[in-house]
N, C-alpha and C. Protein backbone atom coordinates (compact mmCIF):
# COMPACT_ATOMS: atom_id res chain seq x y z
N MET A 1 -0.11 -6.68 55.31
CA MET A 1 0.53 -6.60 53.99
C MET A 1 1.85 -5.90 54.13
N ASN A 2 2.85 -6.39 53.46
CA ASN A 2 4.18 -5.81 53.51
C ASN A 2 4.21 -4.59 52.58
N THR A 3 4.41 -3.40 53.14
CA THR A 3 4.37 -2.17 52.35
C THR A 3 5.57 -2.01 51.44
N ASP A 4 6.72 -2.60 51.79
CA ASP A 4 7.89 -2.51 50.92
C ASP A 4 7.66 -3.20 49.59
N ILE A 5 6.97 -4.31 49.61
CA ILE A 5 6.69 -5.05 48.39
C ILE A 5 5.68 -4.30 47.54
N ALA A 6 4.66 -3.68 48.19
CA ALA A 6 3.65 -2.95 47.44
C ALA A 6 4.25 -1.72 46.76
N LYS A 7 5.19 -1.03 47.42
CA LYS A 7 5.79 0.17 46.85
C LYS A 7 6.82 -0.17 45.77
N ASN A 8 7.61 -1.18 45.98
CA ASN A 8 8.68 -1.57 45.06
C ASN A 8 8.54 -3.03 44.67
N PRO A 9 7.65 -3.33 43.74
CA PRO A 9 7.51 -4.74 43.36
C PRO A 9 8.77 -5.23 42.67
N ALA A 10 9.00 -6.51 42.77
CA ALA A 10 10.18 -7.12 42.14
C ALA A 10 10.05 -6.98 40.62
N PRO A 11 11.13 -6.66 39.96
CA PRO A 11 11.05 -6.53 38.50
C PRO A 11 10.71 -7.86 37.86
N ARG A 12 9.89 -7.79 36.84
CA ARG A 12 9.51 -9.01 36.12
C ARG A 12 10.61 -9.36 35.13
N ARG A 13 10.86 -10.64 35.06
CA ARG A 13 11.84 -11.10 34.09
C ARG A 13 11.16 -11.32 32.76
N ALA A 14 11.86 -10.95 31.72
CA ALA A 14 11.31 -11.15 30.38
C ALA A 14 11.26 -12.65 30.09
N ARG A 15 10.21 -13.05 29.45
CA ARG A 15 10.06 -14.44 29.09
C ARG A 15 11.02 -14.75 27.95
N ALA A 16 11.70 -15.84 28.07
CA ALA A 16 12.66 -16.23 27.04
C ALA A 16 11.93 -16.58 25.75
N SER A 17 12.42 -16.04 24.67
CA SER A 17 11.83 -16.32 23.37
C SER A 17 12.24 -17.70 22.90
N THR A 18 11.33 -18.40 22.29
CA THR A 18 11.65 -19.73 21.76
C THR A 18 12.10 -19.64 20.31
N ARG A 19 11.90 -18.47 19.68
CA ARG A 19 12.31 -18.29 18.30
C ARG A 19 13.66 -17.60 18.22
N PRO A 20 14.47 -17.95 17.25
CA PRO A 20 15.73 -17.21 17.06
C PRO A 20 15.43 -15.76 16.67
N GLU A 21 16.39 -14.87 16.90
CA GLU A 21 16.19 -13.45 16.64
C GLU A 21 15.88 -13.14 15.18
N PHE A 22 16.49 -13.84 14.25
CA PHE A 22 16.29 -13.51 12.86
C PHE A 22 14.86 -13.76 12.40
N GLU A 23 14.12 -14.62 13.07
CA GLU A 23 12.76 -14.89 12.67
C GLU A 23 11.83 -13.72 12.91
N ALA A 24 12.12 -12.88 13.90
CA ALA A 24 11.28 -11.70 14.12
C ALA A 24 11.36 -10.78 12.92
N GLY A 25 12.54 -10.57 12.39
CA GLY A 25 12.69 -9.76 11.19
C GLY A 25 12.01 -10.39 9.99
N ALA A 26 12.07 -11.70 9.90
CA ALA A 26 11.42 -12.40 8.81
C ALA A 26 9.91 -12.24 8.89
N ALA A 27 9.37 -12.23 10.09
CA ALA A 27 7.92 -12.05 10.27
C ALA A 27 7.50 -10.66 9.83
N VAL A 28 8.32 -9.66 10.15
CA VAL A 28 8.01 -8.29 9.74
C VAL A 28 8.04 -8.18 8.23
N SER A 29 9.08 -8.70 7.62
CA SER A 29 9.15 -8.61 6.16
C SER A 29 8.07 -9.47 5.51
N GLY A 30 7.68 -10.55 6.16
CA GLY A 30 6.57 -11.35 5.64
C GLY A 30 5.28 -10.57 5.66
N SER A 31 5.02 -9.83 6.73
CA SER A 31 3.82 -8.99 6.82
C SER A 31 3.87 -7.90 5.77
N LEU A 32 5.02 -7.28 5.63
CA LEU A 32 5.18 -6.23 4.63
C LEU A 32 4.96 -6.79 3.24
N SER A 33 5.52 -7.95 2.99
CA SER A 33 5.38 -8.60 1.70
C SER A 33 3.92 -8.90 1.38
N ARG A 34 3.19 -9.41 2.37
CA ARG A 34 1.77 -9.71 2.17
C ARG A 34 0.97 -8.42 1.94
N GLY A 35 1.30 -7.37 2.68
CA GLY A 35 0.60 -6.09 2.49
C GLY A 35 0.84 -5.52 1.10
N LEU A 36 2.08 -5.62 0.62
CA LEU A 36 2.38 -5.15 -0.73
C LEU A 36 1.70 -6.01 -1.78
N GLN A 37 1.56 -7.28 -1.49
CA GLN A 37 0.86 -8.18 -2.40
C GLN A 37 -0.61 -7.76 -2.52
N VAL A 38 -1.24 -7.43 -1.40
CA VAL A 38 -2.63 -6.96 -1.39
C VAL A 38 -2.73 -5.66 -2.17
N LEU A 39 -1.77 -4.77 -1.95
CA LEU A 39 -1.76 -3.48 -2.65
C LEU A 39 -1.64 -3.68 -4.16
N ASP A 40 -0.79 -4.60 -4.58
CA ASP A 40 -0.66 -4.90 -6.01
C ASP A 40 -1.95 -5.43 -6.61
N VAL A 41 -2.63 -6.30 -5.88
CA VAL A 41 -3.91 -6.84 -6.35
C VAL A 41 -4.93 -5.71 -6.51
N LEU A 42 -4.98 -4.80 -5.54
CA LEU A 42 -5.91 -3.67 -5.63
C LEU A 42 -5.59 -2.77 -6.82
N ARG A 43 -4.32 -2.51 -7.04
CA ARG A 43 -3.93 -1.60 -8.13
C ARG A 43 -4.16 -2.22 -9.50
N GLN A 44 -4.06 -3.53 -9.62
CA GLN A 44 -4.24 -4.19 -10.91
C GLN A 44 -5.68 -4.53 -11.23
N ALA A 45 -6.56 -4.39 -10.25
CA ALA A 45 -7.97 -4.73 -10.46
C ALA A 45 -8.63 -3.74 -11.40
N ARG A 46 -9.62 -4.19 -12.13
CA ARG A 46 -10.34 -3.33 -13.05
C ARG A 46 -11.57 -2.69 -12.42
N GLY A 47 -11.78 -2.96 -11.16
CA GLY A 47 -12.94 -2.40 -10.45
C GLY A 47 -12.86 -2.75 -8.99
N PHE A 48 -14.01 -2.67 -8.35
CA PHE A 48 -14.09 -2.97 -6.92
C PHE A 48 -13.74 -4.44 -6.68
N LEU A 49 -13.08 -4.70 -5.55
CA LEU A 49 -12.79 -6.06 -5.12
C LEU A 49 -13.37 -6.28 -3.73
N SER A 50 -14.03 -7.40 -3.56
CA SER A 50 -14.52 -7.75 -2.23
C SER A 50 -13.35 -8.34 -1.44
N LEU A 51 -13.55 -8.47 -0.15
CA LEU A 51 -12.52 -9.04 0.71
C LEU A 51 -12.22 -10.48 0.29
N SER A 52 -13.26 -11.22 -0.07
CA SER A 52 -13.02 -12.61 -0.50
C SER A 52 -12.26 -12.66 -1.83
N ASP A 53 -12.50 -11.68 -2.71
CA ASP A 53 -11.73 -11.59 -3.96
C ASP A 53 -10.26 -11.34 -3.68
N ILE A 54 -10.00 -10.41 -2.75
CA ILE A 54 -8.62 -10.09 -2.39
C ILE A 54 -7.93 -11.30 -1.78
N ALA A 55 -8.64 -11.99 -0.88
CA ALA A 55 -8.07 -13.17 -0.25
C ALA A 55 -7.78 -14.26 -1.29
N ALA A 56 -8.69 -14.45 -2.23
CA ALA A 56 -8.50 -15.46 -3.26
C ALA A 56 -7.33 -15.11 -4.18
N GLU A 57 -7.24 -13.85 -4.58
CA GLU A 57 -6.16 -13.41 -5.48
C GLU A 57 -4.78 -13.53 -4.83
N THR A 58 -4.70 -13.25 -3.53
CA THR A 58 -3.41 -13.28 -2.84
C THR A 58 -3.10 -14.63 -2.23
N GLY A 59 -4.12 -15.48 -2.07
CA GLY A 59 -3.91 -16.76 -1.41
C GLY A 59 -3.82 -16.65 0.11
N LEU A 60 -4.31 -15.54 0.66
CA LEU A 60 -4.27 -15.32 2.10
C LEU A 60 -5.60 -15.74 2.73
N ASP A 61 -5.55 -16.01 4.03
CA ASP A 61 -6.79 -16.24 4.77
C ASP A 61 -7.60 -14.95 4.77
N ALA A 62 -8.91 -15.08 4.87
CA ALA A 62 -9.78 -13.91 4.86
C ALA A 62 -9.46 -12.97 6.03
N SER A 63 -9.14 -13.53 7.19
CA SER A 63 -8.84 -12.69 8.35
C SER A 63 -7.53 -11.91 8.15
N THR A 64 -6.54 -12.54 7.55
CA THR A 64 -5.28 -11.86 7.26
C THR A 64 -5.49 -10.77 6.22
N ALA A 65 -6.24 -11.10 5.17
CA ALA A 65 -6.53 -10.11 4.12
C ALA A 65 -7.29 -8.93 4.72
N HIS A 66 -8.25 -9.21 5.61
CA HIS A 66 -9.03 -8.14 6.24
C HIS A 66 -8.13 -7.23 7.06
N ARG A 67 -7.25 -7.80 7.84
CA ARG A 67 -6.35 -7.01 8.68
C ARG A 67 -5.44 -6.13 7.81
N LEU A 68 -4.90 -6.70 6.75
CA LEU A 68 -4.01 -5.94 5.87
C LEU A 68 -4.76 -4.83 5.13
N VAL A 69 -5.96 -5.12 4.66
CA VAL A 69 -6.76 -4.11 3.96
C VAL A 69 -7.15 -2.99 4.93
N GLN A 70 -7.43 -3.32 6.18
CA GLN A 70 -7.74 -2.29 7.17
C GLN A 70 -6.57 -1.33 7.34
N VAL A 71 -5.37 -1.88 7.45
CA VAL A 71 -4.17 -1.03 7.60
C VAL A 71 -3.98 -0.16 6.36
N LEU A 72 -4.16 -0.74 5.18
CA LEU A 72 -4.03 0.02 3.94
C LEU A 72 -5.08 1.12 3.86
N THR A 73 -6.30 0.83 4.31
CA THR A 73 -7.38 1.82 4.31
C THR A 73 -7.09 2.95 5.28
N GLU A 74 -6.63 2.60 6.47
CA GLU A 74 -6.32 3.62 7.49
C GLU A 74 -5.22 4.56 7.03
N ASN A 75 -4.34 4.08 6.17
CA ASN A 75 -3.21 4.89 5.72
C ASN A 75 -3.40 5.49 4.34
N GLY A 76 -4.59 5.36 3.76
CA GLY A 76 -4.89 6.00 2.49
C GLY A 76 -4.48 5.23 1.25
N TYR A 77 -4.01 4.00 1.41
CA TYR A 77 -3.61 3.20 0.25
C TYR A 77 -4.76 2.39 -0.33
N ALA A 78 -5.86 2.31 0.38
CA ALA A 78 -7.07 1.63 -0.10
C ALA A 78 -8.28 2.44 0.34
N VAL A 79 -9.38 2.30 -0.41
CA VAL A 79 -10.62 2.99 -0.09
C VAL A 79 -11.72 1.94 -0.04
N ARG A 80 -12.57 2.03 0.96
CA ARG A 80 -13.66 1.06 1.12
C ARG A 80 -14.98 1.71 0.74
N ASP A 81 -15.75 1.04 -0.10
CA ASP A 81 -17.10 1.47 -0.41
C ASP A 81 -18.01 0.78 0.61
N ASP A 82 -18.58 1.56 1.52
CA ASP A 82 -19.38 0.99 2.60
C ASP A 82 -20.67 0.34 2.11
N ILE A 83 -21.21 0.80 1.01
CA ILE A 83 -22.45 0.22 0.50
C ILE A 83 -22.20 -1.16 -0.11
N GLN A 84 -21.22 -1.23 -0.99
CA GLN A 84 -20.90 -2.50 -1.65
C GLN A 84 -19.99 -3.39 -0.81
N LYS A 85 -19.35 -2.80 0.21
CA LYS A 85 -18.37 -3.49 1.04
C LYS A 85 -17.25 -4.07 0.19
N CYS A 86 -16.75 -3.21 -0.70
CA CYS A 86 -15.67 -3.58 -1.59
C CYS A 86 -14.58 -2.52 -1.52
N TYR A 87 -13.44 -2.82 -2.12
CA TYR A 87 -12.28 -1.96 -2.00
C TYR A 87 -11.71 -1.57 -3.36
N LEU A 88 -11.12 -0.39 -3.36
CA LEU A 88 -10.39 0.15 -4.51
C LEU A 88 -9.05 0.67 -4.01
N PRO A 89 -8.08 0.84 -4.89
CA PRO A 89 -6.85 1.48 -4.44
C PRO A 89 -7.12 2.94 -4.06
N GLY A 90 -6.45 3.41 -3.02
CA GLY A 90 -6.65 4.76 -2.54
C GLY A 90 -5.71 5.74 -3.23
N PRO A 91 -5.84 7.01 -2.88
CA PRO A 91 -5.03 8.05 -3.52
C PRO A 91 -3.52 7.87 -3.32
N ARG A 92 -3.12 7.39 -2.16
CA ARG A 92 -1.68 7.21 -1.93
C ARG A 92 -1.13 6.05 -2.74
N ALA A 93 -1.97 5.10 -3.11
CA ALA A 93 -1.52 3.96 -3.92
C ALA A 93 -1.43 4.36 -5.39
N LEU A 94 -2.25 5.31 -5.80
CA LEU A 94 -2.30 5.68 -7.21
C LEU A 94 -1.28 6.75 -7.59
N SER A 95 -0.90 7.59 -6.67
CA SER A 95 0.18 8.56 -6.96
C SER A 95 1.14 8.57 -5.78
N PRO A 96 2.02 7.58 -5.76
CA PRO A 96 2.90 7.43 -4.61
C PRO A 96 4.05 8.43 -4.55
N LEU A 97 4.31 9.16 -5.63
CA LEU A 97 5.43 10.10 -5.61
C LEU A 97 4.98 11.46 -5.08
N SER A 98 5.82 12.07 -4.29
CA SER A 98 5.50 13.40 -3.77
C SER A 98 5.69 14.44 -4.87
N LEU A 99 5.18 15.64 -4.63
CA LEU A 99 5.35 16.72 -5.60
C LEU A 99 6.81 17.12 -5.79
N PHE A 100 7.64 16.82 -4.82
CA PHE A 100 9.03 17.23 -4.88
C PHE A 100 9.97 16.12 -5.36
N HIS A 101 9.41 14.98 -5.71
CA HIS A 101 10.22 13.89 -6.26
C HIS A 101 10.76 14.31 -7.62
N PRO A 102 12.00 13.96 -7.93
CA PRO A 102 12.59 14.38 -9.22
C PRO A 102 11.77 13.96 -10.44
N LEU A 103 11.16 12.79 -10.44
CA LEU A 103 10.34 12.39 -11.60
C LEU A 103 9.10 13.25 -11.74
N THR A 104 8.50 13.63 -10.63
CA THR A 104 7.33 14.52 -10.67
C THR A 104 7.75 15.88 -11.20
N GLN A 105 8.88 16.37 -10.74
CA GLN A 105 9.40 17.66 -11.21
C GLN A 105 9.69 17.60 -12.73
N LEU A 106 10.27 16.49 -13.18
CA LEU A 106 10.56 16.32 -14.60
C LEU A 106 9.29 16.31 -15.42
N ARG A 107 8.27 15.60 -14.96
CA ARG A 107 6.99 15.57 -15.68
C ARG A 107 6.38 16.95 -15.78
N MET A 108 6.42 17.72 -14.67
CA MET A 108 5.84 19.05 -14.70
C MET A 108 6.63 19.98 -15.61
N THR A 109 7.96 19.86 -15.59
CA THR A 109 8.81 20.73 -16.41
C THR A 109 8.57 20.49 -17.90
N PHE A 110 8.45 19.22 -18.30
CA PHE A 110 8.33 18.90 -19.72
C PHE A 110 6.91 18.57 -20.16
N LYS A 111 5.94 18.94 -19.37
CA LYS A 111 4.54 18.65 -19.70
C LYS A 111 4.13 19.25 -21.04
N ASN A 112 4.41 20.51 -21.26
CA ASN A 112 4.03 21.17 -22.51
C ASN A 112 4.74 20.56 -23.71
N VAL A 113 6.01 20.26 -23.56
CA VAL A 113 6.79 19.68 -24.64
C VAL A 113 6.23 18.31 -25.03
N THR A 114 5.96 17.48 -24.05
CA THR A 114 5.44 16.14 -24.36
C THR A 114 4.03 16.21 -24.96
N CYS A 115 3.22 17.14 -24.51
CA CYS A 115 1.87 17.29 -25.09
C CYS A 115 1.95 17.74 -26.54
N GLN A 116 2.84 18.67 -26.84
CA GLN A 116 3.01 19.14 -28.22
C GLN A 116 3.55 18.02 -29.10
N ALA A 117 4.52 17.29 -28.62
CA ALA A 117 5.08 16.19 -29.41
C ALA A 117 4.05 15.10 -29.65
N ARG A 118 3.25 14.87 -28.67
CA ARG A 118 2.21 13.85 -28.80
C ARG A 118 1.15 14.29 -29.82
N ALA A 119 0.82 15.57 -29.84
CA ALA A 119 -0.17 16.08 -30.78
C ALA A 119 0.37 16.07 -32.22
N ARG A 120 1.66 16.34 -32.39
CA ARG A 120 2.24 16.40 -33.73
C ARG A 120 2.51 15.03 -34.32
N CYS A 121 2.92 14.11 -33.52
CA CYS A 121 3.41 12.83 -34.03
C CYS A 121 2.63 11.70 -33.38
N ARG A 122 1.66 11.20 -34.06
CA ARG A 122 0.82 10.14 -33.50
C ARG A 122 1.61 8.87 -33.20
N ARG A 123 2.70 8.63 -33.92
CA ARG A 123 3.50 7.44 -33.69
C ARG A 123 4.25 7.50 -32.36
N CYS A 124 4.43 8.69 -31.81
CA CYS A 124 5.17 8.87 -30.56
C CYS A 124 4.32 8.56 -29.34
N ARG A 125 3.04 8.44 -29.52
CA ARG A 125 2.18 8.36 -28.35
C ARG A 125 2.44 7.15 -27.46
N CYS A 126 2.96 6.07 -28.03
CA CYS A 126 3.25 4.93 -27.17
C CYS A 126 4.51 5.15 -26.34
N PHE A 127 5.34 6.11 -26.74
CA PHE A 127 6.56 6.39 -26.00
C PHE A 127 6.41 7.60 -25.08
N ILE A 128 5.50 8.48 -25.41
CA ILE A 128 5.30 9.68 -24.61
C ILE A 128 4.01 9.51 -23.83
N ARG A 129 4.16 9.46 -22.54
CA ARG A 129 2.98 9.24 -21.69
C ARG A 129 2.77 10.48 -20.82
N SER A 130 1.67 11.12 -21.06
CA SER A 130 1.34 12.31 -20.26
C SER A 130 -0.12 12.20 -19.87
N ARG A 131 -0.40 12.33 -18.60
CA ARG A 131 -1.76 12.15 -18.09
C ARG A 131 -2.64 13.37 -18.33
N SER A 132 -2.06 14.52 -18.55
CA SER A 132 -2.88 15.73 -18.56
C SER A 132 -2.97 16.39 -19.94
N CYS A 133 -2.64 15.70 -21.01
CA CYS A 133 -2.71 16.28 -22.34
C CYS A 133 -4.14 16.29 -22.89
N GLY A 134 -4.99 15.49 -22.35
CA GLY A 134 -6.33 15.39 -22.87
C GLY A 134 -6.46 14.26 -23.89
N ALA A 135 -5.37 13.66 -24.28
CA ALA A 135 -5.42 12.54 -25.23
C ALA A 135 -5.65 11.25 -24.47
N LYS A 136 -6.09 10.24 -25.22
CA LYS A 136 -6.39 8.94 -24.59
C LYS A 136 -5.15 8.20 -24.25
């Protein structure tokens, strides 16, 4: 055996791509788009969704839907109920803004004001939305 070849193998040449470069970016954005579509379906659902429900709602193959839901679950955007084998939106999907986001800061700053206004003026309730006032 030639020891020079074993120590320093010839560099492998990259296989020439048959697709144009812009298609790789399109595939990434297509995957992202499908993942966001699955996330939207989960967030708009009124309860648990099975994998077949998600696939039917999005128009994706079951295997593609499964792969996307797995990624969403691993990252906290979806939650799986192991008993029912169904999915719900996860905590990151339900409150996507950080505590330091300006809108979150604004809500916290004006929480008392909006709760008082909502209690005083029932007609304002459709315009004033506060999750922690105790009102429906």
